[in-house]
Amino acid sequence: MISKGVLHEVPSDMQKALIADTNILEKWNNLTPIQRNEWICWTTIVKKPETRIEHIKRMMDELKEGKRQPCCWPGCPHRRPKAKKWF
């Protein structure tokens, strides 16, 4: 089972990446719903498919390192109205 975020469902491309590595999937499921939400939004808000692929790869690498949320991310604009100014 793949746990979802607060506002966002895990898209299929992220699900595929998470399922491919059980260690990272366990780390993912141990994140808080808000932390998972931030990763999902950070990955899906980009416009180019190439950037989305890069974000998924970086997410996997950073989860493996033990990071719990994207670095230098103002936050999900769907959850934090103040973050909308960055998008």
Protein backbone atom coordinates (compact mmCIF):
# COMPACT_ATOMS: atom_id res chain seq x y z
CA MET A 1 0.00 0.00 0.00
CA ILE A 2 1.17 3.51 -0.82
CA SER A 3 0.07 6.21 1.62
CA LYS A 4 -1.30 9.44 0.12
CA GLY A 5 -0.86 13.09 1.03
CA VAL A 6 -3.25 15.48 2.72
CA LEU A 7 -4.68 16.94 -0.48
CA HIS A 8 -2.99 14.97 -3.23
CA GLU A 9 -3.21 11.37 -4.37
CA VAL A 10 0.02 9.66 -5.43
CA PRO A 11 0.11 9.75 -9.25
CA SER A 12 0.82 6.56 -11.16
CA ASP A 13 4.38 7.51 -12.21
CA MET A 14 5.32 8.13 -8.57
CA GLN A 15 3.60 4.91 -7.51
CA LYS A 16 5.65 2.98 -10.05
CA ALA A 17 8.90 4.47 -8.73
CA LEU A 18 7.99 3.87 -5.08
CA ILE A 19 6.91 0.27 -5.65
CA ALA A 20 10.22 -0.44 -7.40
CA ASP A 21 12.16 0.00 -4.13
CA THR A 22 10.62 -1.47 -0.97
CA ASN A 23 13.10 0.36 1.28
CA ILE A 24 12.08 3.74 -0.14
CA LEU A 25 8.41 2.75 -0.07
CA GLU A 26 8.73 2.05 3.65
CA LYS A 27 10.34 5.47 4.17
CA TRP A 28 7.54 7.05 2.12
CA ASN A 29 4.83 5.41 4.20
CA ASN A 30 6.57 6.58 7.40
CA LEU A 31 6.37 10.24 6.34
CA THR A 32 3.55 12.36 7.71
CA PRO A 33 0.63 13.00 5.35
CA ILE A 34 1.76 16.64 5.02
CA GLN A 35 5.31 15.58 4.10
CA ARG A 36 3.98 13.18 1.48
CA ASN A 37 1.72 15.93 0.19
CA GLU A 38 4.73 18.24 -0.26
CA TRP A 39 6.61 15.62 -2.30
CA ILE A 40 3.57 14.95 -4.48
CA CYS A 41 2.87 18.62 -5.13
CA TRP A 42 6.55 19.42 -5.73
CA THR A 43 6.69 16.66 -8.33
CA THR A 44 3.39 17.30 -10.09
CA ILE A 45 3.33 21.11 -10.22
CA VAL A 46 6.07 21.29 -12.87
CA LYS A 47 5.12 21.90 -16.50
CA LYS A 48 7.63 19.83 -18.47
CA PRO A 49 7.54 16.02 -18.45
CA GLU A 50 11.36 15.97 -18.33
CA THR A 51 11.33 18.06 -15.14
CA ARG A 52 8.75 15.77 -13.58
CA ILE A 53 10.98 12.75 -14.30
CA GLU A 54 13.92 14.59 -12.70
CA HIS A 55 11.82 15.43 -9.64
CA ILE A 56 10.78 11.80 -9.18
CA LYS A 57 14.41 10.68 -9.43
CA ARG A 58 15.51 13.36 -6.96
CA MET A 59 12.67 12.43 -4.59
CA MET A 60 13.79 8.81 -4.64
CA ASP A 61 17.43 9.78 -4.00
CA GLU A 62 16.52 12.15 -1.19
CA LEU A 63 14.15 9.71 0.49
CA LYS A 64 16.95 7.14 0.37
CA GLU A 65 19.17 9.71 2.15
CA GLY A 66 16.51 10.17 4.83
CA LYS A 67 15.16 13.56 3.78
CA ARG A 68 11.54 14.05 4.66
CA GLN A 69 10.49 16.87 2.32
CA PRO A 70 11.77 18.74 -0.74
CA CYS A 71 14.53 21.25 -0.08
CA CYS A 72 13.93 24.91 -0.85
CA TRP A 73 10.24 24.36 -1.59
CA PRO A 74 7.88 27.16 -0.49
CA GLY A 75 5.17 24.60 0.18
CA CYS A 76 2.11 23.28 -1.57
CA PRO A 77 0.14 26.27 -2.92
CA HIS A 78 -3.01 24.15 -2.65
CA ARG A 79 -2.47 23.87 1.11
CA ARG A 80 -0.60 27.11 1.91
CA PRO A 81 -2.14 30.21 0.33
CA LYS A 82 1.05 32.24 1.00
CA ALA A 83 3.02 29.86 -1.22
CA LYS A 84 0.83 30.74 -4.24
CA LYS A 85 2.92 33.85 -4.93
CA TRP A 86 5.76 31.58 -6.08
CA PHE A 87 3.66 29.93 -8.78
